[in-house]
Amino acid sequence: YEDLVKQIDSVRFFEITGGEPLMIKEQFQVLQRCVDMG
């Protein structure tokens, strides 16, 4: 997580699986961080 924020400008694709990803709330926190960072 610490490094993901530093790398976010290069990212164009997230693939989110699991487990069942829609039960894993941490991925929504990652997405919200992307929204907050523009």
Full PDB file with SEQRES, HELIX, SHEET, SSBOND, CRYST1, ORIGX, SCALE, CONECT and MASTER records, all heavy atoms in Angstrom:
SEQRES   1 A   38  TYR GLU ASP LEU VAL LYS GLN ILE ASP SER VAL ARG PHE          
SEQRES   2 A   38  PHE GLU ILE THR GLY GLY GLU PRO LEU MET ILE LYS GLU          
SEQRES   3 A   38  GLN PHE GLN VAL LEU GLN ARG CYS VAL ASP MET GLY              
HELIX    1 AA1 GLU A    2  GLN A    7  1                                   6    
HELIX    2 AA2 ILE A    8  SER A   10  5                                   3    
HELIX    3 AA3 PRO A   21  MET A   23  5                                   3    
HELIX    4 AA4 GLU A   26  MET A   37  1                                  12    
CRYST1    1.000    1.000    1.000  90.00  90.00  90.00 P 1           1          
ORIGX1      1.000000  0.000000  0.000000        0.00000                         
ORIGX2      0.000000  1.000000  0.000000        0.00000                         
ORIGX3      0.000000  0.000000  1.000000        0.00000                         
SCALE1      1.000000  0.000000  0.000000        0.00000                         
SCALE2      0.000000  1.000000  0.000000        0.00000                         
SCALE3      0.000000  0.000000  1.000000        0.00000                         
ATOM      1  N   TYR A   1       0.821  -1.208   0.000  1.00  0.00           N  
ATOM      2  CA  TYR A   1       0.000   0.000   0.000  1.00  0.00           C  
ATOM      3  C   TYR A   1       0.859   1.265   0.000  1.00  0.00           C  
ATOM      4  O   TYR A   1       0.543   2.246  -0.678  1.00  0.00           O  
ATOM      5  CB  TYR A   1      -0.920   0.018   1.224  1.00  0.00           C  
ATOM      6  CG  TYR A   1      -2.076  -0.948   1.166  1.00  0.00           C  
ATOM      7  CD1 TYR A   1      -2.445  -1.682   2.282  1.00  0.00           C  
ATOM      8  CD2 TYR A   1      -2.815  -1.125   0.001  1.00  0.00           C  
ATOM      9  CE1 TYR A   1      -3.513  -2.576   2.245  1.00  0.00           C  
ATOM     10  CE2 TYR A   1      -3.873  -2.019  -0.045  1.00  0.00           C  
ATOM     11  CZ  TYR A   1      -4.218  -2.737   1.078  1.00  0.00           C  
ATOM     12  OH  TYR A   1      -5.275  -3.608   1.030  1.00  0.00           O  
ATOM     13  N   GLU A   2       1.942   1.236   0.764  1.00  0.00           N  
ATOM     14  CA  GLU A   2       2.810   2.412   0.851  1.00  0.00           C  
ATOM     15  C   GLU A   2       3.366   2.786  -0.521  1.00  0.00           C  
ATOM     16  O   GLU A   2       3.415   3.955  -0.894  1.00  0.00           O  
ATOM     17  CB  GLU A   2       3.967   2.131   1.812  1.00  0.00           C  
ATOM     18  CG  GLU A   2       3.533   1.890   3.259  1.00  0.00           C  
ATOM     19  CD  GLU A   2       4.692   1.409   4.127  1.00  0.00           C  
ATOM     20  OE1 GLU A   2       5.844   1.427   3.638  1.00  0.00           O  
ATOM     21  OE2 GLU A   2       4.446   1.007   5.283  1.00  0.00           O  
ATOM     22  N   ASP A   3       3.775   1.778  -1.290  1.00  0.00           N  
ATOM     23  CA  ASP A   3       4.388   2.040  -2.589  1.00  0.00           C  
ATOM     24  C   ASP A   3       3.352   2.286  -3.675  1.00  0.00           C  
ATOM     25  O   ASP A   3       3.629   2.990  -4.657  1.00  0.00           O  
ATOM     26  CB  ASP A   3       5.284   0.864  -2.983  1.00  0.00           C  
ATOM     27  CG  ASP A   3       6.251   1.219  -4.108  1.00  0.00           C  
ATOM     28  OD1 ASP A   3       6.794   2.344  -4.081  1.00  0.00           O  
ATOM     29  OD2 ASP A   3       6.464   0.395  -5.000  1.00  0.00           O  
ATOM     30  N   LEU A   4       2.152   1.729  -3.523  1.00  0.00           N  
ATOM     31  CA  LEU A   4       1.124   1.877  -4.543  1.00  0.00           C  
ATOM     32  C   LEU A   4       0.814   3.345  -4.806  1.00  0.00           C  
ATOM     33  O   LEU A   4       0.642   3.760  -5.962  1.00  0.00           O  
ATOM     34  CB  LEU A   4      -0.146   1.134  -4.123  1.00  0.00           C  
ATOM     35  CG  LEU A   4      -1.350   1.251  -5.068  1.00  0.00           C  
ATOM     36  CD1 LEU A   4      -0.997   0.712  -6.449  1.00  0.00           C  
ATOM     37  CD2 LEU A   4      -2.551   0.502  -4.494  1.00  0.00           C  
ATOM     38  N   VAL A   5       0.740   4.127  -3.756  1.00  0.00           N  
ATOM     39  CA  VAL A   5       0.460   5.561  -3.898  1.00  0.00           C  
ATOM     40  C   VAL A   5       1.520   6.242  -4.764  1.00  0.00           C  
ATOM     41  O   VAL A   5       1.208   7.096  -5.604  1.00  0.00           O  
ATOM     42  CB  VAL A   5       0.380   6.233  -2.508  1.00  0.00           C  
ATOM     43  CG1 VAL A   5       0.209   7.737  -2.666  1.00  0.00           C  
ATOM     44  CG2 VAL A   5      -0.770   5.650  -1.705  1.00  0.00           C  
ATOM     45  N   LYS A   6       2.767   5.834  -4.608  1.00  0.00           N  
ATOM     46  CA  LYS A   6       3.860   6.429  -5.384  1.00  0.00           C  
ATOM     47  C   LYS A   6       3.808   5.998  -6.852  1.00  0.00           C  
ATOM     48  O   LYS A   6       4.310   6.706  -7.726  1.00  0.00           O  
ATOM     49  CB  LYS A   6       5.212   6.023  -4.789  1.00  0.00           C  
ATOM     50  CG  LYS A   6       5.404   6.418  -3.334  1.00  0.00           C  
ATOM     51  CD  LYS A   6       6.696   5.835  -2.778  1.00  0.00           C  
ATOM     52  CE  LYS A   6       6.829   6.087  -1.286  1.00  0.00           C  
ATOM     53  NZ  LYS A   6       8.031   5.425  -0.708  1.00  0.00           N  
ATOM     54  N   GLN A   7       3.215   4.844  -7.125  1.00  0.00           N  
ATOM     55  CA  GLN A   7       3.202   4.288  -8.474  1.00  0.00           C  
ATOM     56  C   GLN A   7       1.940   4.641  -9.257  1.00  0.00           C  
ATOM     57  O   GLN A   7       1.848   4.333 -10.446  1.00  0.00           O  
ATOM     58  CB  GLN A   7       3.304   2.752  -8.398  1.00  0.00           C  
ATOM     59  CG  GLN A   7       4.511   2.232  -7.654  1.00  0.00           C  
ATOM     60  CD  GLN A   7       5.794   2.408  -8.440  1.00  0.00           C  
ATOM     61  OE1 GLN A   7       5.775   2.627  -9.648  1.00  0.00           O  
ATOM     62  NE2 GLN A   7       6.925   2.355  -7.762  1.00  0.00           N  
ATOM     63  N   ILE A   8       0.991   5.290  -8.627  1.00  0.00           N  
ATOM     64  CA  ILE A   8      -0.351   5.387  -9.188  1.00  0.00           C  
ATOM     65  C   ILE A   8      -0.399   6.128 -10.522  1.00  0.00           C  
ATOM     66  O   ILE A   8      -1.265   5.869 -11.368  1.00  0.00           O  
ATOM     67  CB  ILE A   8      -1.317   6.045  -8.164  1.00  0.00           C  
ATOM     68  CG1 ILE A   8      -2.759   5.564  -8.404  1.00  0.00           C  
ATOM     69  CG2 ILE A   8      -1.244   7.557  -8.209  1.00  0.00           C  
ATOM     70  CD1 ILE A   8      -2.963   4.119  -8.106  1.00  0.00           C  
ATOM     71  N   ASP A   9       0.539   7.032 -10.765  1.00  0.00           N  
ATOM     72  CA  ASP A   9       0.514   7.787 -12.021  1.00  0.00           C  
ATOM     73  C   ASP A   9       0.751   6.906 -13.240  1.00  0.00           C  
ATOM     74  O   ASP A   9       0.320   7.252 -14.349  1.00  0.00           O  
ATOM     75  CB  ASP A   9       1.552   8.919 -11.991  1.00  0.00           C  
ATOM     76  CG  ASP A   9       1.126  10.075 -11.108  1.00  0.00           C  
ATOM     77  OD1 ASP A   9      -0.080  10.164 -10.794  1.00  0.00           O  
ATOM     78  OD2 ASP A   9       1.989  10.890 -10.723  1.00  0.00           O  
ATOM     79  N   SER A  10       1.455   5.793 -13.066  1.00  0.00           N  
ATOM     80  CA  SER A  10       1.729   4.910 -14.207  1.00  0.00           C  
ATOM     81  C   SER A  10       0.623   3.884 -14.422  1.00  0.00           C  
ATOM     82  O   SER A  10       0.527   3.272 -15.494  1.00  0.00           O  
ATOM     83  CB  SER A  10       3.064   4.184 -14.015  1.00  0.00           C  
ATOM     84  OG  SER A  10       2.980   3.216 -12.985  1.00  0.00           O  
ATOM     85  N   VAL A  11      -0.228   3.672 -13.426  1.00  0.00           N  
ATOM     86  CA  VAL A  11      -1.241   2.614 -13.485  1.00  0.00           C  
ATOM     87  C   VAL A  11      -2.384   3.004 -14.423  1.00  0.00           C  
ATOM     88  O   VAL A  11      -2.913   4.111 -14.364  1.00  0.00           O  
ATOM     89  CB  VAL A  11      -1.798   2.302 -12.083  1.00  0.00           C  
ATOM     90  CG1 VAL A  11      -2.936   1.286 -12.169  1.00  0.00           C  
ATOM     91  CG2 VAL A  11      -0.692   1.777 -11.179  1.00  0.00           C  
ATOM     92  N   ARG A  12      -2.757   2.055 -15.289  1.00  0.00           N  
ATOM     93  CA  ARG A  12      -3.896   2.246 -16.184  1.00  0.00           C  
ATOM     94  C   ARG A  12      -4.954   1.158 -16.014  1.00  0.00           C  
ATOM     95  O   ARG A  12      -6.090   1.338 -16.438  1.00  0.00           O  
ATOM     96  CB  ARG A  12      -3.420   2.260 -17.638  1.00  0.00           C  
ATOM     97  CG  ARG A  12      -2.538   3.462 -17.987  1.00  0.00           C  
ATOM     98  CD  ARG A  12      -3.303   4.773 -17.871  1.00  0.00           C  
ATOM     99  NE  ARG A  12      -2.482   5.949 -18.138  1.00  0.00           N  
ATOM    100  CZ  ARG A  12      -1.824   6.640 -17.228  1.00  0.00           C  
ATOM    101  NH1 ARG A  12      -1.890   6.259 -15.949  1.00  0.00           N  
ATOM    102  NH2 ARG A  12      -1.115   7.690 -17.530  1.00  0.00           N  
ATOM    103  N   PHE A  13      -4.584   0.041 -15.416  1.00  0.00           N  
ATOM    104  CA  PHE A  13      -5.516  -1.068 -15.274  1.00  0.00           C  
ATOM    105  C   PHE A  13      -5.399  -1.699 -13.882  1.00  0.00           C  
ATOM    106  O   PHE A  13      -4.301  -2.069 -13.462  1.00  0.00           O  
ATOM    107  CB  PHE A  13      -5.239  -2.162 -16.319  1.00  0.00           C  
ATOM    108  CG  PHE A  13      -5.285  -1.690 -17.744  1.00  0.00           C  
ATOM    109  CD1 PHE A  13      -4.117  -1.341 -18.413  1.00  0.00           C  
ATOM    110  CD2 PHE A  13      -6.491  -1.594 -18.426  1.00  0.00           C  
ATOM    111  CE1 PHE A  13      -4.136  -0.903 -19.726  1.00  0.00           C  
ATOM    112  CE2 PHE A  13      -6.526  -1.149 -19.734  1.00  0.00           C  
ATOM    113  CZ  PHE A  13      -5.347  -0.805 -20.397  1.00  0.00           C  
ATOM    114  N   PHE A  14      -6.516  -1.807 -13.190  1.00  0.00           N  
ATOM    115  CA  PHE A  14      -6.619  -2.616 -11.984  1.00  0.00           C  
ATOM    116  C   PHE A  14      -7.457  -3.846 -12.316  1.00  0.00           C  
ATOM    117  O   PHE A  14      -8.548  -3.726 -12.889  1.00  0.00           O  
ATOM    118  CB  PHE A  14      -7.338  -1.873 -10.859  1.00  0.00           C  
ATOM    119  CG  PHE A  14      -6.514  -0.847 -10.136  1.00  0.00           C  
ATOM    120  CD1 PHE A  14      -7.127   0.281  -9.590  1.00  0.00           C  
ATOM    121  CD2 PHE A  14      -5.153  -0.989  -9.977  1.00  0.00           C  
ATOM    122  CE1 PHE A  14      -6.392   1.234  -8.907  1.00  0.00           C  
ATOM    123  CE2 PHE A  14      -4.404  -0.043  -9.300  1.00  0.00           C  
ATOM    124  CZ  PHE A  14      -5.017   1.071  -8.764  1.00  0.00           C  
ATOM    125  N   GLU A  15      -6.963  -5.012 -11.954  1.00  0.00           N  
ATOM    126  CA  GLU A  15      -7.785  -6.217 -12.009  1.00  0.00           C  
ATOM    127  C   GLU A  15      -7.961  -6.676 -10.577  1.00  0.00           C  
ATOM    128  O   GLU A  15      -6.980  -6.928  -9.870  1.00  0.00           O  
ATOM    129  CB  GLU A  15      -7.143  -7.310 -12.856  1.00  0.00           C  
ATOM    130  CG  GLU A  15      -8.024  -8.544 -12.962  1.00  0.00           C  
ATOM    131  CD  GLU A  15      -7.669  -9.437 -14.135  1.00  0.00           C  
ATOM    132  OE1 GLU A  15      -6.878  -9.018 -14.996  1.00  0.00           O  
ATOM    133  OE2 GLU A  15      -8.199 -10.566 -14.183  1.00  0.00           O  
ATOM    134  N   ILE A  16      -9.210  -6.766 -10.122  1.00  0.00           N  
ATOM    135  CA  ILE A  16      -9.474  -7.038  -8.721  1.00  0.00           C  
ATOM    136  C   ILE A  16     -10.252  -8.344  -8.604  1.00  0.00           C  
ATOM    137  O   ILE A  16     -11.389  -8.454  -9.052  1.00  0.00           O  
ATOM    138  CB  ILE A  16     -10.253  -5.880  -8.061  1.00  0.00           C  
ATOM    139  CG1 ILE A  16      -9.528  -4.539  -8.311  1.00  0.00           C  
ATOM    140  CG2 ILE A  16     -10.408  -6.124  -6.570  1.00  0.00           C  
ATOM    141  CD1 ILE A  16     -10.228  -3.341  -7.745  1.00  0.00           C  
ATOM    142  N   THR A  17      -9.589  -9.324  -8.004  1.00  0.00           N  
ATOM    143  CA  THR A  17     -10.224 -10.625  -7.799  1.00  0.00           C  
ATOM    144  C   THR A  17     -10.098 -10.969  -6.318  1.00  0.00           C  
ATOM    145  O   THR A  17     -10.025 -10.091  -5.481  1.00  0.00           O  
ATOM    146  CB  THR A  17      -9.589 -11.686  -8.708  1.00  0.00           C  
ATOM    147  OG1 THR A  17      -8.180 -11.731  -8.489  1.00  0.00           O  
ATOM    148  CG2 THR A  17      -9.823 -11.369 -10.172  1.00  0.00           C  
ATOM    149  N   GLY A  18     -10.064 -12.231  -5.983  1.00  0.00           N  
ATOM    150  CA  GLY A  18     -10.030 -12.547  -4.554  1.00  0.00           C  
ATOM    151  C   GLY A  18      -9.549 -13.947  -4.300  1.00  0.00           C  
ATOM    152  O   GLY A  18      -8.697 -14.441  -5.043  1.00  0.00           O  
ATOM    153  N   GLY A  19     -10.219 -14.582  -3.381  1.00  0.00           N  
ATOM    154  CA  GLY A  19     -11.458 -14.307  -2.693  1.00  0.00           C  
ATOM    155  C   GLY A  19     -12.575 -13.750  -3.578  1.00  0.00           C  
ATOM    156  O   GLY A  19     -12.527 -13.769  -4.779  1.00  0.00           O  
ATOM    157  N   GLU A  20     -13.590 -13.272  -2.898  1.00  0.00           N  
ATOM    158  CA  GLU A  20     -14.661 -12.546  -3.576  1.00  0.00           C  
ATOM    159  C   GLU A  20     -14.388 -11.062  -3.382  1.00  0.00           C  
ATOM    160  O   GLU A  20     -14.548 -10.520  -2.284  1.00  0.00           O  
ATOM    161  CB  GLU A  20     -16.024 -12.938  -3.009  1.00  0.00           C  
ATOM    162  CG  GLU A  20     -17.174 -12.023  -3.419  1.00  0.00           C  
ATOM    163  CD  GLU A  20     -17.201 -11.724  -4.918  1.00  0.00           C  
ATOM    164  OE1 GLU A  20     -17.020 -12.661  -5.737  1.00  0.00           O  
ATOM    165  OE2 GLU A  20     -17.409 -10.553  -5.273  1.00  0.00           O  
ATOM    166  N   PRO A  21     -13.971 -10.361  -4.457  1.00  0.00           N  
ATOM    167  CA  PRO A  21     -13.488  -8.981  -4.303  1.00  0.00           C  
ATOM    168  C   PRO A  21     -14.519  -8.003  -3.767  1.00  0.00           C  
ATOM    169  O   PRO A  21     -14.166  -7.057  -3.063  1.00  0.00           O  
ATOM    170  CB  PRO A  21     -13.057  -8.601  -5.727  1.00  0.00           C  
ATOM    171  CG  PRO A  21     -13.817  -9.528  -6.624  1.00  0.00           C  
ATOM    172  CD  PRO A  21     -13.914 -10.814  -5.852  1.00  0.00           C  
ATOM    173  N   LEU A  22     -15.798  -8.225  -4.080  1.00  0.00           N  
ATOM    174  CA  LEU A  22     -16.813  -7.272  -3.636  1.00  0.00           C  
ATOM    175  C   LEU A  22     -17.152  -7.434  -2.159  1.00  0.00           C  
ATOM    176  O   LEU A  22     -17.910  -6.637  -1.604  1.00  0.00           O  
ATOM    177  CB  LEU A  22     -18.065  -7.397  -4.505  1.00  0.00           C  
ATOM    178  CG  LEU A  22     -17.839  -7.080  -5.994  1.00  0.00           C  
ATOM    179  CD1 LEU A  22     -19.129  -7.203  -6.783  1.00  0.00           C  
ATOM    180  CD2 LEU A  22     -17.220  -5.697  -6.182  1.00  0.00           C  
ATOM    181  N   MET A  23     -16.564  -8.449  -1.500  1.00  0.00           N  
ATOM    182  CA  MET A  23     -16.673  -8.595  -0.050  1.00  0.00           C  
ATOM    183  C   MET A  23     -15.456  -8.004   0.662  1.00  0.00           C  
ATOM    184  O   MET A  23     -15.467  -7.893   1.894  1.00  0.00           O  
ATOM    185  CB  MET A  23     -16.797 -10.076   0.330  1.00  0.00           C  
ATOM    186  CG  MET A  23     -18.086 -10.748  -0.107  1.00  0.00           C  
ATOM    187  SD  MET A  23     -18.105 -12.508   0.340  1.00  0.00           S  
ATOM    188  CE  MET A  23     -18.109 -12.409   2.134  1.00  0.00           C  
ATOM    189  N   ILE A  24     -14.415  -7.662  -0.095  1.00  0.00           N  
ATOM    190  CA  ILE A  24     -13.149  -7.214   0.486  1.00  0.00           C  
ATOM    191  C   ILE A  24     -13.108  -5.685   0.447  1.00  0.00           C  
ATOM    192  O   ILE A  24     -12.846  -5.077  -0.588  1.00  0.00           O  
ATOM    193  CB  ILE A  24     -11.956  -7.838  -0.261  1.00  0.00           C  
ATOM    194  CG1 ILE A  24     -12.033  -9.370  -0.151  1.00  0.00           C  
ATOM    195  CG2 ILE A  24     -10.634  -7.325   0.297  1.00  0.00           C  
ATOM    196  CD1 ILE A  24     -11.003 -10.118  -0.974  1.00  0.00           C  
ATOM    197  N   LYS A  25     -13.416  -5.054   1.554  1.00  0.00           N  
ATOM    198  CA  LYS A  25     -13.620  -3.612   1.589  1.00  0.00           C  
ATOM    199  C   LYS A  25     -12.345  -2.812   1.342  1.00  0.00           C  
ATOM    200  O   LYS A  25     -12.406  -1.649   0.946  1.00  0.00           O  
ATOM    201  CB  LYS A  25     -14.235  -3.216   2.937  1.00  0.00           C  
ATOM    202  CG  LYS A  25     -15.581  -3.881   3.221  1.00  0.00           C  
ATOM    203  CD  LYS A  25     -16.573  -3.678   2.078  1.00  0.00           C  
ATOM    204  CE  LYS A  25     -17.914  -4.363   2.351  1.00  0.00           C  
ATOM    205  NZ  LYS A  25     -18.835  -4.260   1.186  1.00  0.00           N  
ATOM    206  N   GLU A  26     -11.183  -3.434   1.574  1.00  0.00           N  
ATOM    207  CA  GLU A  26      -9.926  -2.703   1.371  1.00  0.00           C  
ATOM    208  C   GLU A  26      -9.764  -2.244  -0.078  1.00  0.00           C  
ATOM    209  O   GLU A  26      -9.144  -1.206  -0.337  1.00  0.00           O  
ATOM    210  CB  GLU A  26      -8.729  -3.570   1.774  1.00  0.00           C  
ATOM    211  CG  GLU A  26      -8.553  -3.731   3.271  1.00  0.00           C  
ATOM    212  CD  GLU A  26      -9.553  -4.682   3.899  1.00  0.00           C  
ATOM    213  OE1 GLU A  26     -10.201  -5.464   3.160  1.00  0.00           O  
ATOM    214  OE2 GLU A  26      -9.704  -4.649   5.143  1.00  0.00           O  
ATOM    215  N   GLN A  27     -10.304  -2.990  -1.033  1.00  0.00           N  
ATOM    216  CA  GLN A  27     -10.149  -2.565  -2.419  1.00  0.00           C  
ATOM    217  C   GLN A  27     -10.937  -1.286  -2.695  1.00  0.00           C  
ATOM    218  O   GLN A  27     -10.512  -0.448  -3.498  1.00  0.00           O  
ATOM    219  CB  GLN A  27     -10.532  -3.690  -3.384  1.00  0.00           C  
ATOM    220  CG  GLN A  27     -11.931  -4.256  -3.215  1.00  0.00           C  
ATOM    221  CD  GLN A  27     -12.970  -3.614  -4.119  1.00  0.00           C  
ATOM    222  OE1 GLN A  27     -12.639  -2.788  -4.962  1.00  0.00           O  
ATOM    223  NE2 GLN A  27     -14.223  -3.983  -3.915  1.00  0.00           N  
ATOM    224  N   PHE A  28     -12.068  -1.089  -2.006  1.00  0.00           N  
ATOM    225  CA  PHE A  28     -12.803   0.164  -2.176  1.00  0.00           C  
ATOM    226  C   PHE A  28     -12.025   1.337  -1.577  1.00  0.00           C  
ATOM    227  O   PHE A  28     -12.099   2.469  -2.072  1.00  0.00           O  
ATOM    228  CB  PHE A  28     -14.182   0.068  -1.525  1.00  0.00           C  
ATOM    229  CG  PHE A  28     -15.129  -0.865  -2.246  1.00  0.00           C  
ATOM    230  CD1 PHE A  28     -15.733  -1.918  -1.580  1.00  0.00           C  
ATOM    231  CD2 PHE A  28     -15.405  -0.683  -3.591  1.00  0.00           C  
ATOM    232  CE1 PHE A  28     -16.593  -2.777  -2.239  1.00  0.00           C  
ATOM    233  CE2 PHE A  28     -16.268  -1.533  -4.262  1.00  0.00           C  
ATOM    234  CZ  PHE A  28     -16.866  -2.589  -3.584  1.00  0.00           C  
ATOM    235  N   GLN A  29     -11.258   1.077  -0.515  1.00  0.00           N  
ATOM    236  CA  GLN A  29     -10.407   2.121   0.061  1.00  0.00           C  
ATOM    237  C   GLN A  29      -9.308   2.533  -0.912  1.00  0.00           C  
ATOM    238  O   GLN A  29      -8.980   3.714  -1.038  1.00  0.00           O  
ATOM    239  CB  GLN A  29      -9.803   1.623   1.374  1.00  0.00           C  
ATOM    240  CG  GLN A  29     -10.836   1.375   2.470  1.00  0.00           C  
ATOM    241  CD  GLN A  29     -10.266   0.633   3.665  1.00  0.00           C  
ATOM    242  OE1 GLN A  29      -9.051   0.470   3.792  1.00  0.00           O  
ATOM    243  NE2 GLN A  29     -11.144   0.160   4.541  1.00  0.00           N  
ATOM    244  N   VAL A  30      -8.744   1.543  -1.627  1.00  0.00           N  
ATOM    245  CA  VAL A  30      -7.735   1.843  -2.652  1.00  0.00           C  
ATOM    246  C   VAL A  30      -8.356   2.698  -3.758  1.00  0.00           C  
ATOM    247  O   VAL A  30      -7.769   3.698  -4.201  1.00  0.00           O  
ATOM    248  CB  VAL A  30      -7.151   0.541  -3.238  1.00  0.00           C  
ATOM    249  CG1 VAL A  30      -6.282   0.841  -4.460  1.00  0.00           C  
ATOM    250  CG2 VAL A  30      -6.338  -0.203  -2.188  1.00  0.00           C  
ATOM    251  N   LEU A  31      -9.539   2.320  -4.209  1.00  0.00           N  
ATOM    252  CA  LEU A  31     -10.203   3.076  -5.272  1.00  0.00           C  
ATOM    253  C   LEU A  31     -10.544   4.494  -4.817  1.00  0.00           C  
ATOM    254  O   LEU A  31     -10.400   5.452  -5.584  1.00  0.00           O  
ATOM    255  CB  LEU A  31     -11.466   2.342  -5.731  1.00  0.00           C  
ATOM    256  CG  LEU A  31     -11.281   0.954  -6.362  1.00  0.00           C  
ATOM    257  CD1 LEU A  31     -12.594   0.471  -6.965  1.00  0.00           C  
ATOM    258  CD2 LEU A  31     -10.189   0.950  -7.413  1.00  0.00           C  
ATOM    259  N   GLN A  32     -10.996   4.645  -3.575  1.00  0.00           N  
ATOM    260  CA  GLN A  32     -11.308   5.982  -3.065  1.00  0.00           C  
ATOM    261  C   GLN A  32     -10.050   6.844  -3.032  1.00  0.00           C  
ATOM    262  O   GLN A  32     -10.105   8.044  -3.341  1.00  0.00           O  
ATOM    263  CB  GLN A  32     -11.922   5.883  -1.669  1.00  0.00           C  
ATOM    264  CG  GLN A  32     -12.374   7.227  -1.092  1.00  0.00           C  
ATOM    265  CD  GLN A  32     -13.443   7.887  -1.922  1.00  0.00           C  
ATOM    266  OE1 GLN A  32     -14.521   7.318  -2.133  1.00  0.00           O  
ATOM    267  NE2 GLN A  32     -13.182   9.103  -2.418  1.00  0.00           N  
ATOM    268  N   ARG A  33      -8.922   6.240  -2.695  1.00  0.00           N  
ATOM    269  CA  ARG A  33      -7.658   6.975  -2.691  1.00  0.00           C  
ATOM    270  C   ARG A  33      -7.316   7.458  -4.098  1.00  0.00           C  
ATOM    271  O   ARG A  33      -6.838   8.583  -4.282  1.00  0.00           O  
ATOM    272  CB  ARG A  33      -6.535   6.085  -2.149  1.00  0.00           C  
ATOM    273  CG  ARG A  33      -5.191   6.807  -1.961  1.00  0.00           C  
ATOM    274  CD  ARG A  33      -5.256   7.807  -0.820  1.00  0.00           C  
ATOM    275  NE  ARG A  33      -4.006   8.498  -0.628  1.00  0.00           N  
ATOM    276  CZ  ARG A  33      -3.020   8.092   0.175  1.00  0.00           C  
ATOM    277  NH1 ARG A  33      -3.164   6.958   0.858  1.00  0.00           N  
ATOM    278  NH2 ARG A  33      -1.926   8.793   0.316  1.00  0.00           N  
ATOM    279  N   CYS A  34      -7.583   6.622  -5.093  1.00  0.00           N  
ATOM    280  CA  CYS A  34      -7.358   7.031  -6.485  1.00  0.00           C  
ATOM    281  C   CYS A  34      -8.248   8.205  -6.866  1.00  0.00           C  
ATOM    282  O   CYS A  34      -7.815   9.128  -7.566  1.00  0.00           O  
ATOM    283  CB  CYS A  34      -7.622   5.859  -7.428  1.00  0.00           C  
ATOM    284  SG  CYS A  34      -6.454   4.500  -7.303  1.00  0.00           S  
ATOM    285  N   VAL A  35      -9.491   8.172  -6.405  1.00  0.00           N  
ATOM    286  CA  VAL A  35     -10.414   9.289  -6.658  1.00  0.00           C  
ATOM    287  C   VAL A  35      -9.882  10.554  -6.009  1.00  0.00           C  
ATOM    288  O   VAL A  35      -9.831  11.626  -6.635  1.00  0.00           O  
ATOM    289  CB  VAL A  35     -11.826   8.956  -6.127  1.00  0.00           C  
ATOM    290  CG1 VAL A  35     -12.736  10.177  -6.239  1.00  0.00           C  
ATOM    291  CG2 VAL A  35     -12.426   7.765  -6.882  1.00  0.00           C  
ATOM    292  N   ASP A  36      -9.459  10.452  -4.757  1.00  0.00           N  
ATOM    293  CA  ASP A  36      -8.963  11.611  -4.019  1.00  0.00           C  
ATOM    294  C   ASP A  36      -7.714  12.214  -4.660  1.00  0.00           C  
ATOM    295  O   ASP A  36      -7.497  13.432  -4.598  1.00  0.00           O  
ATOM    296  CB  ASP A  36      -8.653  11.225  -2.566  1.00  0.00           C  
ATOM    297  CG  ASP A  36      -9.896  10.787  -1.798  1.00  0.00           C  
ATOM    298  OD1 ASP A  36     -11.014  11.105  -2.241  1.00  0.00           O  
ATOM    299  OD2 ASP A  36      -9.744  10.115  -0.760  1.00  0.00           O  
ATOM    300  N   MET A  37      -6.888  11.374  -5.284  1.00  0.00           N  
ATOM    301  CA  MET A  37      -5.650  11.832  -5.911  1.00  0.00           C  
ATOM    302  C   MET A  37      -5.858  12.334  -7.333  1.00  0.00           C  
ATOM    303  O   MET A  37      -4.921  12.822  -7.979  1.00  0.00           O  
ATOM    304  CB  MET A  37      -4.618  10.694  -5.924  1.00  0.00           C  
ATOM    305  CG  MET A  37      -4.133  10.272  -4.555  1.00  0.00           C  
ATOM    306  SD  MET A  37      -3.031   8.830  -4.654  1.00  0.00           S  
ATOM    307  CE  MET A  37      -1.631   9.551  -5.542  1.00  0.00           C  
ATOM    308  N   GLY A  38      -7.080  12.192  -7.849  1.00  0.00           N  
ATOM    309  CA  GLY A  38      -7.363  12.631  -9.213  1.00  0.00           C  
ATOM    310  C   GLY A  38      -6.887  11.667 -10.277  1.00  0.00           C  
ATOM    311  O   GLY A  38      -6.838  12.006 -11.464  1.00  0.00           O  
TER     312      GLY A  38                                                      
MASTER        0    0    0    4    0    0    0    6  311    1    0    3          
END                                                                             
